[in-house]
Amino acid sequence: GIIFGFLGPNGAGKTTTINLLLGLLEPTVGRAEVLGFDPWRDG
């Protein structure tokens, strides 16, 4: 329920993070949950 700002210079990894959260890329290490789902397994 908030607006979350994800800030950084060009090449900081912002777009890559979004692609990970949408399940378009697989993490190398670590994990993510989006609305309670694993974005890679439950893309």
PDB file of all heavy atoms in Angstrom:
ATOM      1  N   GLY A   1       0.774  -1.234   0.000  1.00  0.00           N
ATOM      2  CA  GLY A   1       0.000   0.000   0.000  1.00  0.00           C
ATOM      3  C   GLY A   1       0.801   1.278   0.000  1.00  0.00           C
ATOM      4  O   GLY A   1       0.272   2.332   0.323  1.00  0.00           O
ATOM      5  N   ILE A   2       2.100   1.215  -0.362  1.00  0.00           N
ATOM      6  CA  ILE A   2       2.917   2.428  -0.404  1.00  0.00           C
ATOM      7  C   ILE A   2       3.504   2.595  -1.804  1.00  0.00           C
ATOM      8  O   ILE A   2       3.465   1.685  -2.629  1.00  0.00           O
ATOM      9  CB  ILE A   2       4.068   2.387   0.623  1.00  0.00           C
ATOM     10  CG1 ILE A   2       5.117   1.330   0.225  1.00  0.00           C
ATOM     11  CG2 ILE A   2       3.555   2.137   2.026  1.00  0.00           C
ATOM     12  CD1 ILE A   2       6.433   1.479   0.975  1.00  0.00           C
ATOM     13  N   ILE A   3       4.049   3.780  -2.044  1.00  0.00           N
ATOM     14  CA  ILE A   3       4.902   3.981  -3.221  1.00  0.00           C
ATOM     15  C   ILE A   3       6.335   3.837  -2.732  1.00  0.00           C
ATOM     16  O   ILE A   3       6.798   4.583  -1.867  1.00  0.00           O
ATOM     17  CB  ILE A   3       4.673   5.357  -3.867  1.00  0.00           C
ATOM     18  CG1 ILE A   3       3.224   5.496  -4.335  1.00  0.00           C
ATOM     19  CG2 ILE A   3       5.628   5.547  -5.055  1.00  0.00           C
ATOM     20  CD1 ILE A   3       2.921   6.817  -5.035  1.00  0.00           C
ATOM     21  N   PHE A   4       7.015   2.855  -3.272  1.00  0.00           N
ATOM     22  CA  PHE A   4       8.386   2.530  -2.877  1.00  0.00           C
ATOM     23  C   PHE A   4       9.333   3.022  -3.958  1.00  0.00           C
ATOM     24  O   PHE A   4       9.210   2.654  -5.125  1.00  0.00           O
ATOM     25  CB  PHE A   4       8.530   1.018  -2.705  1.00  0.00           C
ATOM     26  CG  PHE A   4       9.936   0.550  -2.428  1.00  0.00           C
ATOM     27  CD1 PHE A   4      10.502   0.688  -1.175  1.00  0.00           C
ATOM     28  CD2 PHE A   4      10.696  -0.020  -3.439  1.00  0.00           C
ATOM     29  CE1 PHE A   4      11.794   0.256  -0.921  1.00  0.00           C
ATOM     30  CE2 PHE A   4      11.990  -0.465  -3.204  1.00  0.00           C
ATOM     31  CZ  PHE A   4      12.541  -0.320  -1.938  1.00  0.00           C
ATOM     32  N   GLY A   5      10.261   3.898  -3.585  1.00  0.00           N
ATOM     33  CA  GLY A   5      11.231   4.426  -4.535  1.00  0.00           C
ATOM     34  C   GLY A   5      12.498   3.595  -4.534  1.00  0.00           C
ATOM     35  O   GLY A   5      13.083   3.336  -3.481  1.00  0.00           O
ATOM     36  N   PHE A   6      12.917   3.179  -5.713  1.00  0.00           N
ATOM     37  CA  PHE A   6      14.126   2.361  -5.884  1.00  0.00           C
ATOM     38  C   PHE A   6      15.099   3.198  -6.703  1.00  0.00           C
ATOM     39  O   PHE A   6      14.938   3.343  -7.913  1.00  0.00           O
ATOM     40  CB  PHE A   6      13.761   1.065  -6.599  1.00  0.00           C
ATOM     41  CG  PHE A   6      14.783  -0.030  -6.475  1.00  0.00           C
ATOM     42  CD1 PHE A   6      15.293  -0.406  -5.243  1.00  0.00           C
ATOM     43  CD2 PHE A   6      15.213  -0.717  -7.605  1.00  0.00           C
ATOM     44  CE1 PHE A   6      16.216  -1.443  -5.136  1.00  0.00           C
ATOM     45  CE2 PHE A   6      16.122  -1.743  -7.505  1.00  0.00           C
ATOM     46  CZ  PHE A   6      16.633  -2.101  -6.265  1.00  0.00           C
ATOM     47  N   LEU A   7      16.080   3.800  -6.030  1.00  0.00           N
ATOM     48  CA  LEU A   7      16.904   4.835  -6.633  1.00  0.00           C
ATOM     49  C   LEU A   7      18.338   4.373  -6.790  1.00  0.00           C
ATOM     50  O   LEU A   7      18.873   3.653  -5.945  1.00  0.00           O
ATOM     51  CB  LEU A   7      16.884   6.104  -5.759  1.00  0.00           C
ATOM     52  CG  LEU A   7      15.529   6.591  -5.270  1.00  0.00           C
ATOM     53  CD1 LEU A   7      15.698   7.858  -4.441  1.00  0.00           C
ATOM     54  CD2 LEU A   7      14.576   6.823  -6.427  1.00  0.00           C
ATOM     55  N   GLY A   8      18.963   4.833  -7.862  1.00  0.00           N
ATOM     56  CA  GLY A   8      20.368   4.537  -8.090  1.00  0.00           C
ATOM     57  C   GLY A   8      20.794   5.092  -9.430  1.00  0.00           C
ATOM     58  O   GLY A   8      19.953   5.374 -10.291  1.00  0.00           O
ATOM     59  N   PRO A   9      22.103   5.262  -9.631  1.00  0.00           N
ATOM     60  CA  PRO A   9      22.576   5.769 -10.920  1.00  0.00           C
ATOM     61  C   PRO A   9      22.378   4.746 -12.021  1.00  0.00           C
ATOM     62  O   PRO A   9      21.994   3.595 -11.764  1.00  0.00           O
ATOM     63  CB  PRO A   9      24.074   6.017 -10.650  1.00  0.00           C
ATOM     64  CG  PRO A   9      24.420   5.078  -9.543  1.00  0.00           C
ATOM     65  CD  PRO A   9      23.197   4.974  -8.690  1.00  0.00           C
ATOM     66  N   ASN A  10      22.613   5.161 -13.261  1.00  0.00           N
ATOM     67  CA  ASN A  10      22.541   4.225 -14.379  1.00  0.00           C
ATOM     68  C   ASN A  10      23.480   3.049 -14.127  1.00  0.00           C
ATOM     69  O   ASN A  10      24.613   3.224 -13.679  1.00  0.00           O
ATOM     70  CB  ASN A  10      22.933   4.919 -15.689  1.00  0.00           C
ATOM     71  CG  ASN A  10      21.873   5.891 -16.157  1.00  0.00           C
ATOM     72  OD1 ASN A  10      20.700   5.742 -15.845  1.00  0.00           O
ATOM     73  ND2 ASN A  10      22.287   6.912 -16.907  1.00  0.00           N
ATOM     74  N   GLY A  11      22.994   1.854 -14.414  1.00  0.00           N
ATOM     75  CA  GLY A  11      23.825   0.669 -14.235  1.00  0.00           C
ATOM     76  C   GLY A  11      23.884   0.163 -12.812  1.00  0.00           C
ATOM     77  O   GLY A  11      24.669  -0.742 -12.503  1.00  0.00           O
ATOM     78  N   ALA A  12      23.022   0.706 -11.931  1.00  0.00           N
ATOM     79  CA  ALA A  12      23.066   0.297 -10.524  1.00  0.00           C
ATOM     80  C   ALA A  12      22.406  -1.051 -10.273  1.00  0.00           C
ATOM     81  O   ALA A  12      22.603  -1.654  -9.223  1.00  0.00           O
ATOM     82  CB  ALA A  12      22.406   1.351  -9.646  1.00  0.00           C
ATOM     83  N   GLY A  13      21.599  -1.529 -11.232  1.00  0.00           N
ATOM     84  CA  GLY A  13      20.921  -2.813 -11.060  1.00  0.00           C
ATOM     85  C   GLY A  13      19.421  -2.701 -10.860  1.00  0.00           C
ATOM     86  O   GLY A  13      18.760  -3.690 -10.530  1.00  0.00           O
ATOM     87  N   LYS A  14      18.840  -1.523 -11.104  1.00  0.00           N
ATOM     88  CA  LYS A  14      17.410  -1.324 -10.860  1.00  0.00           C
ATOM     89  C   LYS A  14      16.547  -2.174 -11.797  1.00  0.00           C
ATOM     90  O   LYS A  14      15.644  -2.881 -11.351  1.00  0.00           O
ATOM     91  CB  LYS A  14      17.066   0.168 -11.009  1.00  0.00           C
ATOM     92  CG  LYS A  14      17.844   1.089 -10.075  1.00  0.00           C
ATOM     93  CD  LYS A  14      17.356   2.513 -10.148  1.00  0.00           C
ATOM     94  CE  LYS A  14      17.496   3.141 -11.528  1.00  0.00           C
ATOM     95  NZ  LYS A  14      18.920   3.284 -11.933  1.00  0.00           N
ATOM     96  N   THR A  15      16.823  -2.099 -13.088  1.00  0.00           N
ATOM     97  CA  THR A  15      16.010  -2.843 -14.051  1.00  0.00           C
ATOM     98  C   THR A  15      16.220  -4.342 -13.894  1.00  0.00           C
ATOM     99  O   THR A  15      15.264  -5.125 -14.006  1.00  0.00           O
ATOM    100  CB  THR A  15      16.342  -2.396 -15.486  1.00  0.00           C
ATOM    101  OG1 THR A  15      16.073  -0.985 -15.615  1.00  0.00           O
ATOM    102  CG2 THR A  15      15.506  -3.155 -16.507  1.00  0.00           C
ATOM    103  N   THR A  16      17.446  -4.762 -13.606  1.00  0.00           N
ATOM    104  CA  THR A  16      17.695  -6.189 -13.367  1.00  0.00           C
ATOM    105  C   THR A  16      16.879  -6.679 -12.184  1.00  0.00           C
ATOM    106  O   THR A  16      16.309  -7.778 -12.207  1.00  0.00           O
ATOM    107  CB  THR A  16      19.193  -6.434 -13.105  1.00  0.00           C
ATOM    108  OG1 THR A  16      19.946  -6.017 -14.243  1.00  0.00           O
ATOM    109  CG2 THR A  16      19.471  -7.911 -12.840  1.00  0.00           C
ATOM    110  N   THR A  17      16.778  -5.858 -11.129  1.00  0.00           N
ATOM    111  CA  THR A  17      15.984  -6.236  -9.958  1.00  0.00           C
ATOM    112  C   THR A  17      14.523  -6.410 -10.338  1.00  0.00           C
ATOM    113  O   THR A  17      13.869  -7.385  -9.914  1.00  0.00           O
ATOM    114  CB  THR A  17      16.134  -5.182  -8.853  1.00  0.00           C
ATOM    115  OG1 THR A  17      17.510  -5.062  -8.482  1.00  0.00           O
ATOM    116  CG2 THR A  17      15.318  -5.566  -7.629  1.00  0.00           C
ATOM    117  N   ILE A  18      13.970  -5.493 -11.131  1.00  0.00           N
ATOM    118  CA  ILE A  18      12.580  -5.626 -11.566  1.00  0.00           C
ATOM    119  C   ILE A  18      12.389  -6.913 -12.356  1.00  0.00           C
ATOM    120  O   ILE A  18      11.403  -7.647 -12.161  1.00  0.00           O
ATOM    121  CB  ILE A  18      12.146  -4.398 -12.380  1.00  0.00           C
ATOM    122  CG1 ILE A  18      12.005  -3.173 -11.477  1.00  0.00           C
ATOM    123  CG2 ILE A  18      10.814  -4.660 -13.094  1.00  0.00           C
ATOM    124  CD1 ILE A  18      11.619  -1.903 -12.205  1.00  0.00           C
ATOM    125  N   ASN A  19      13.324  -7.223 -13.246  1.00  0.00           N
ATOM    126  CA  ASN A  19      13.213  -8.452 -14.028  1.00  0.00           C
ATOM    127  C   ASN A  19      13.266  -9.698 -13.149  1.00  0.00           C
ATOM    128  O   ASN A  19      12.589 -10.702 -13.416  1.00  0.00           O
ATOM    129  CB  ASN A  19      14.318  -8.503 -15.089  1.00  0.00           C
ATOM    130  CG  ASN A  19      14.075  -7.532 -16.227  1.00  0.00           C
ATOM    131  OD1 ASN A  19      12.937  -7.174 -16.523  1.00  0.00           O
ATOM    132  ND2 ASN A  19      15.143  -7.086 -16.871  1.00  0.00           N
ATOM    133  N   LEU A  20      14.045  -9.646 -12.088  1.00  0.00           N
ATOM    134  CA  LEU A  20      14.069 -10.748 -11.119  1.00  0.00           C
ATOM    135  C   LEU A  20      12.730 -10.864 -10.404  1.00  0.00           C
ATOM    136  O   LEU A  20      12.209 -11.971 -10.184  1.00  0.00           O
ATOM    137  CB  LEU A  20      15.194 -10.530 -10.109  1.00  0.00           C
ATOM    138  CG  LEU A  20      16.620 -10.738 -10.620  1.00  0.00           C
ATOM    139  CD1 LEU A  20      17.631 -10.106  -9.658  1.00  0.00           C
ATOM    140  CD2 LEU A  20      16.924 -12.231 -10.781  1.00  0.00           C
ATOM    141  N   LEU A  21      12.148  -9.723 -10.032  1.00  0.00           N
ATOM    142  CA  LEU A  21      10.894  -9.730  -9.287  1.00  0.00           C
ATOM    143  C   LEU A  21       9.714 -10.172 -10.153  1.00  0.00           C
ATOM    144  O   LEU A  21       8.722 -10.680  -9.635  1.00  0.00           O
ATOM    145  CB  LEU A  21      10.624  -8.345  -8.701  1.00  0.00           C
ATOM    146  CG  LEU A  21      11.623  -7.894  -7.621  1.00  0.00           C
ATOM    147  CD1 LEU A  21      11.335  -6.468  -7.188  1.00  0.00           C
ATOM    148  CD2 LEU A  21      11.586  -8.831  -6.422  1.00  0.00           C
ATOM    149  N   LEU A  22       9.814  -9.976 -11.448  1.00  0.00           N
ATOM    150  CA  LEU A  22       8.764 -10.415 -12.364  1.00  0.00           C
ATOM    151  C   LEU A  22       8.979 -11.852 -12.839  1.00  0.00           C
ATOM    152  O   LEU A  22       8.174 -12.370 -13.621  1.00  0.00           O
ATOM    153  CB  LEU A  22       8.685  -9.467 -13.567  1.00  0.00           C
ATOM    154  CG  LEU A  22       8.080  -8.091 -13.283  1.00  0.00           C
ATOM    155  CD1 LEU A  22       8.241  -7.177 -14.489  1.00  0.00           C
ATOM    156  CD2 LEU A  22       6.605  -8.215 -12.897  1.00  0.00           C
ATOM    157  N   GLY A  23      10.057 -12.478 -12.394  1.00  0.00           N
ATOM    158  CA  GLY A  23      10.321 -13.851 -12.807  1.00  0.00           C
ATOM    159  C   GLY A  23      10.880 -13.976 -14.201  1.00  0.00           C
ATOM    160  O   GLY A  23      10.843 -15.057 -14.803  1.00  0.00           O
ATOM    161  N   LEU A  24      11.416 -12.889 -14.743  1.00  0.00           N
ATOM    162  CA  LEU A  24      12.001 -12.918 -16.092  1.00  0.00           C
ATOM    163  C   LEU A  24      13.471 -13.311 -16.054  1.00  0.00           C
ATOM    164  O   LEU A  24      14.050 -13.645 -17.090  1.00  0.00           O
ATOM    165  CB  LEU A  24      11.848 -11.541 -16.750  1.00  0.00           C
ATOM    166  CG  LEU A  24      10.408 -11.011 -16.816  1.00  0.00           C
ATOM    167  CD1 LEU A  24      10.378  -9.620 -17.412  1.00  0.00           C
ATOM    168  CD2 LEU A  24       9.516 -11.966 -17.613  1.00  0.00           C
ATOM    169  N   LEU A  25      14.079 -13.239 -14.872  1.00  0.00           N
ATOM    170  CA  LEU A  25      15.449 -13.687 -14.660  1.00  0.00           C
ATOM    171  C   LEU A  25      15.479 -14.573 -13.421  1.00  0.00           C
ATOM    172  O   LEU A  25      14.702 -14.377 -12.483  1.00  0.00           O
ATOM    173  CB  LEU A  25      16.395 -12.503 -14.438  1.00  0.00           C
ATOM    174  CG  LEU A  25      16.784 -11.637 -15.629  1.00  0.00           C
ATOM    175  CD1 LEU A  25      17.603 -10.437 -15.151  1.00  0.00           C
ATOM    176  CD2 LEU A  25      17.571 -12.438 -16.657  1.00  0.00           C
ATOM    177  N   GLU A  26      16.388 -15.542 -13.414  1.00  0.00           N
ATOM    178  CA  GLU A  26      16.563 -16.409 -12.249  1.00  0.00           C
ATOM    179  C   GLU A  26      17.683 -15.860 -11.367  1.00  0.00           C
ATOM    180  O   GLU A  26      18.734 -15.471 -11.870  1.00  0.00           O
ATOM    181  CB  GLU A  26      16.922 -17.827 -12.696  1.00  0.00           C
ATOM    182  CG  GLU A  26      17.075 -18.803 -11.547  1.00  0.00           C
ATOM    183  CD  GLU A  26      17.393 -20.205 -12.011  1.00  0.00           C
ATOM    184  OE1 GLU A  26      17.705 -20.376 -13.216  1.00  0.00           O
ATOM    185  OE2 GLU A  26      17.346 -21.135 -11.180  1.00  0.00           O
ATOM    186  N   PRO A  27      17.465 -15.801 -10.049  1.00  0.00           N
ATOM    187  CA  PRO A  27      18.547 -15.345  -9.173  1.00  0.00           C
ATOM    188  C   PRO A  27      19.743 -16.289  -9.223  1.00  0.00           C
ATOM    189  O   PRO A  27      19.576 -17.499  -9.381  1.00  0.00           O
ATOM    190  CB  PRO A  27      17.911 -15.360  -7.777  1.00  0.00           C
ATOM    191  CG  PRO A  27      16.450 -15.494  -7.983  1.00  0.00           C
ATOM    192  CD  PRO A  27      16.247 -16.146  -9.298  1.00  0.00           C
ATOM    193  N   THR A  28      20.917 -15.725  -9.069  1.00  0.00           N
ATOM    194  CA  THR A  28      22.113 -16.546  -8.935  1.00  0.00           C
ATOM    195  C   THR A  28      22.216 -17.083  -7.508  1.00  0.00           C
ATOM    196  O   THR A  28      22.525 -18.249  -7.277  1.00  0.00           O
ATOM    197  CB  THR A  28      23.369 -15.716  -9.273  1.00  0.00           C
ATOM    198  OG1 THR A  28      23.214 -15.156 -10.586  1.00  0.00           O
ATOM    199  CG2 THR A  28      24.627 -16.583  -9.234  1.00  0.00           C
ATOM    200  N   VAL A  29      21.934 -16.198  -6.551  1.00  0.00           N
ATOM    201  CA  VAL A  29      21.952 -16.538  -5.132  1.00  0.00           C
ATOM    202  C   VAL A  29      20.811 -15.775  -4.468  1.00  0.00           C
ATOM    203  O   VAL A  29      20.396 -14.715  -4.947  1.00  0.00           O
ATOM    204  CB  VAL A  29      23.303 -16.145  -4.469  1.00  0.00           C
ATOM    205  CG1 VAL A  29      23.290 -16.454  -2.972  1.00  0.00           C
ATOM    206  CG2 VAL A  29      24.469 -16.862  -5.138  1.00  0.00           C
ATOM    207  N   GLY A  30      20.324 -16.277  -3.327  1.00  0.00           N
ATOM    208  CA  GLY A  30      19.297 -15.575  -2.580  1.00  0.00           C
ATOM    209  C   GLY A  30      17.910 -15.861  -3.129  1.00  0.00           C
ATOM    210  O   GLY A  30      17.726 -16.691  -4.028  1.00  0.00           O
ATOM    211  N   ARG A  31      16.940 -15.160  -2.584  1.00  0.00           N
ATOM    212  CA  ARG A  31      15.555 -15.406  -2.982  1.00  0.00           C
ATOM    213  C   ARG A  31      14.734 -14.131  -2.894  1.00  0.00           C
ATOM    214  O   ARG A  31      15.132 -13.158  -2.260  1.00  0.00           O
ATOM    215  CB  ARG A  31      14.926 -16.504  -2.119  1.00  0.00           C
ATOM    216  CG  ARG A  31      14.809 -16.163  -0.648  1.00  0.00           C
ATOM    217  CD  ARG A  31      14.379 -17.393   0.160  1.00  0.00           C
ATOM    218  NE  ARG A  31      13.122 -17.926  -0.284  1.00  0.00           N
ATOM    219  CZ  ARG A  31      11.925 -17.521   0.158  1.00  0.00           C
ATOM    220  NH1 ARG A  31      11.869 -16.559   1.082  1.00  0.00           N
ATOM    221  NH2 ARG A  31      10.810 -18.054  -0.293  1.00  0.00           N
ATOM    222  N   ALA A  32      13.583 -14.197  -3.538  1.00  0.00           N
ATOM    223  CA  ALA A  32      12.636 -13.080  -3.509  1.00  0.00           C
ATOM    224  C   ALA A  32      11.234 -13.637  -3.334  1.00  0.00           C
ATOM    225  O   ALA A  32      10.942 -14.777  -3.726  1.00  0.00           O
ATOM    226  CB  ALA A  32      12.733 -12.259  -4.784  1.00  0.00           C
ATOM    227  N   GLU A  33      10.374 -12.829  -2.741  1.00  0.00           N
ATOM    228  CA  GLU A  33       8.941 -13.109  -2.694  1.00  0.00           C
ATOM    229  C   GLU A  33       8.212 -11.878  -3.207  1.00  0.00           C
ATOM    230  O   GLU A  33       8.527 -10.755  -2.815  1.00  0.00           O
ATOM    231  CB  GLU A  33       8.467 -13.412  -1.270  1.00  0.00           C
ATOM    232  CG  GLU A  33       8.858 -14.775  -0.754  1.00  0.00           C
ATOM    233  CD  GLU A  33       8.269 -15.041   0.620  1.00  0.00           C
ATOM    234  OE1 GLU A  33       7.436 -14.215   1.085  1.00  0.00           O
ATOM    235  OE2 GLU A  33       8.655 -16.046   1.241  1.00  0.00           O
ATOM    236  N   VAL A  34       7.234 -12.100  -4.063  1.00  0.00           N
ATOM    237  CA  VAL A  34       6.388 -11.027  -4.573  1.00  0.00           C
ATOM    238  C   VAL A  34       4.951 -11.422  -4.302  1.00  0.00           C
ATOM    239  O   VAL A  34       4.473 -12.447  -4.812  1.00  0.00           O
ATOM    240  CB  VAL A  34       6.621 -10.792  -6.078  1.00  0.00           C
ATOM    241  CG1 VAL A  34       5.673  -9.724  -6.608  1.00  0.00           C
ATOM    242  CG2 VAL A  34       8.071 -10.392  -6.343  1.00  0.00           C
ATOM    243  N   LEU A  35       4.274 -10.664  -3.445  1.00  0.00           N
ATOM    244  CA  LEU A  35       2.914 -10.989  -3.024  1.00  0.00           C
ATOM    245  C   LEU A  35       2.835 -12.411  -2.472  1.00  0.00           C
ATOM    246  O   LEU A  35       1.831 -13.109  -2.635  1.00  0.00           O
ATOM    247  CB  LEU A  35       1.933 -10.795  -4.186  1.00  0.00           C
ATOM    248  CG  LEU A  35       1.909  -9.386  -4.786  1.00  0.00           C
ATOM    249  CD1 LEU A  35       1.023  -9.344  -6.017  1.00  0.00           C
ATOM    250  CD2 LEU A  35       1.436  -8.350  -3.759  1.00  0.00           C
ATOM    251  N   GLY A  36       3.922 -12.845  -1.838  1.00  0.00           N
ATOM    252  CA  GLY A  36       3.966 -14.164  -1.219  1.00  0.00           C
ATOM    253  C   GLY A  36       4.408 -15.279  -2.134  1.00  0.00           C
ATOM    254  O   GLY A  36       4.531 -16.428  -1.690  1.00  0.00           O
ATOM    255  N   PHE A  37       4.683 -14.994  -3.405  1.00  0.00           N
ATOM    256  CA  PHE A  37       5.082 -16.011  -4.369  1.00  0.00           C
ATOM    257  C   PHE A  37       6.559 -15.888  -4.708  1.00  0.00           C
ATOM    258  O   PHE A  37       7.119 -14.787  -4.710  1.00  0.00           O
ATOM    259  CB  PHE A  37       4.273 -15.883  -5.665  1.00  0.00           C
ATOM    260  CG  PHE A  37       2.806 -16.155  -5.507  1.00  0.00           C
ATOM    261  CD1 PHE A  37       1.906 -15.109  -5.339  1.00  0.00           C
ATOM    262  CD2 PHE A  37       2.318 -17.446  -5.525  1.00  0.00           C
ATOM    263  CE1 PHE A  37       0.549 -15.354  -5.193  1.00  0.00           C
ATOM    264  CE2 PHE A  37       0.958 -17.711  -5.387  1.00  0.00           C
ATOM    265  CZ  PHE A  37       0.077 -16.653  -5.217  1.00  0.00           C
ATOM    266  N   ASP A  38       7.179 -17.006  -5.023  1.00  0.00           N
ATOM    267  CA  ASP A  38       8.530 -17.022  -5.568  1.00  0.00           C
ATOM    268  C   ASP A  38       8.429 -16.669  -7.052  1.00  0.00           C
ATOM    269  O   ASP A  38       7.829 -17.421  -7.824  1.00  0.00           O
ATOM    270  CB  ASP A  38       9.140 -18.414  -5.399  1.00  0.00           C
ATOM    271  CG  ASP A  38      10.560 -18.508  -5.936  1.00  0.00           C
ATOM    272  OD1 ASP A  38      10.804 -18.047  -7.081  1.00  0.00           O
ATOM    273  OD2 ASP A  38      11.420 -19.062  -5.246  1.00  0.00           O
ATOM    274  N   PRO A  39       8.989 -15.536  -7.478  1.00  0.00           N
ATOM    275  CA  PRO A  39       8.769 -15.104  -8.861  1.00  0.00           C
ATOM    276  C   PRO A  39       9.386 -16.022  -9.906  1.00  0.00           C
ATOM    277  O   PRO A  39       8.907 -16.044 -11.050  1.00  0.00           O
ATOM    278  CB  PRO A  39       9.389 -13.703  -8.915  1.00  0.00           C
ATOM    279  CG  PRO A  39      10.288 -13.618  -7.739  1.00  0.00           C
ATOM    280  CD  PRO A  39       9.732 -14.535  -6.700  1.00  0.00           C
ATOM    281  N   TRP A  40      10.436 -16.756  -9.567  1.00  0.00           N
ATOM    282  CA  TRP A  40      11.019 -17.653 -10.570  1.00  0.00           C
ATOM    283  C   TRP A  40      10.208 -18.939 -10.676  1.00  0.00           C
ATOM    284  O   TRP A  40       9.888 -19.406 -11.763  1.00  0.00           O
ATOM    285  CB  TRP A  40      12.483 -17.955 -10.241  1.00  0.00           C
ATOM    286  CG  TRP A  40      13.119 -18.833 -11.272  1.00  0.00           C
ATOM    287  CD1 TRP A  40      13.519 -20.127 -11.137  1.00  0.00           C
ATOM    288  CD2 TRP A  40      13.399 -18.489 -12.639  1.00  0.00           C
ATOM    289  NE1 TRP A  40      14.031 -20.606 -12.316  1.00  0.00           N
ATOM    290  CE2 TRP A  40      13.975 -19.622 -13.254  1.00  0.00           C
ATOM    291  CE3 TRP A  40      13.218 -17.322 -13.393  1.00  0.00           C
ATOM    292  CZ2 TRP A  40      14.379 -19.631 -14.591  1.00  0.00           C
ATOM    293  CZ3 TRP A  40      13.617 -17.326 -14.734  1.00  0.00           C
ATOM    294  CH2 TRP A  40      14.195 -18.462 -15.305  1.00  0.00           C
ATOM    295  N   ARG A  41       9.828 -19.499  -9.529  1.00  0.00           N
ATOM    296  CA  ARG A  41       9.063 -20.749  -9.528  1.00  0.00           C
ATOM    297  C   ARG A  41       7.598 -20.512  -9.906  1.00  0.00           C
ATOM    298  O   ARG A  41       6.960 -21.344 -10.557  1.00  0.00           O
ATOM    299  CB  ARG A  41       9.147 -21.401  -8.147  1.00  0.00           C
ATOM    300  CG  ARG A  41       8.578 -22.818  -8.094  1.00  0.00           C
ATOM    301  CD  ARG A  41       8.640 -23.389  -6.689  1.00  0.00           C
ATOM    302  NE  ARG A  41       7.807 -22.619  -5.770  1.00  0.00           N
ATOM    303  CZ  ARG A  41       8.224 -22.116  -4.624  1.00  0.00           C
ATOM    304  NH1 ARG A  41       9.479 -22.263  -4.236  1.00  0.00           N
ATOM    305  NH2 ARG A  41       7.400 -21.439  -3.845  1.00  0.00           N
ATOM    306  N   ASP A  42       7.049 -19.354  -9.459  1.00  0.00           N
ATOM    307  CA  ASP A  42       5.629 -19.060  -9.675  1.00  0.00           C
ATOM    308  C   ASP A  42       5.466 -17.784 -10.500  1.00  0.00           C
ATOM    309  O   ASP A  42       4.655 -16.909 -10.171  1.00  0.00           O
ATOM    310  CB  ASP A  42       4.922 -18.882  -8.326  1.00  0.00           C
ATOM    311  CG  ASP A  42       5.118 -20.068  -7.398  1.00  0.00           C
ATOM    312  OD1 ASP A  42       4.939 -21.205  -7.864  1.00  0.00           O
ATOM    313  OD2 ASP A  42       5.462 -19.863  -6.224  1.00  0.00           O
ATOM    314  N   GLY A  43       6.238 -17.690 -11.564  1.00  0.00           N
ATOM    315  CA  GLY A  43       6.236 -16.475 -12.374  1.00  0.00           C
ATOM    316  C   GLY A  43       4.872 -16.122 -12.934  1.00  0.00           C
ATOM    317  O   GLY A  43       4.488 -14.940 -12.972  1.00  0.00           O
TER     318      GLY A  43
END
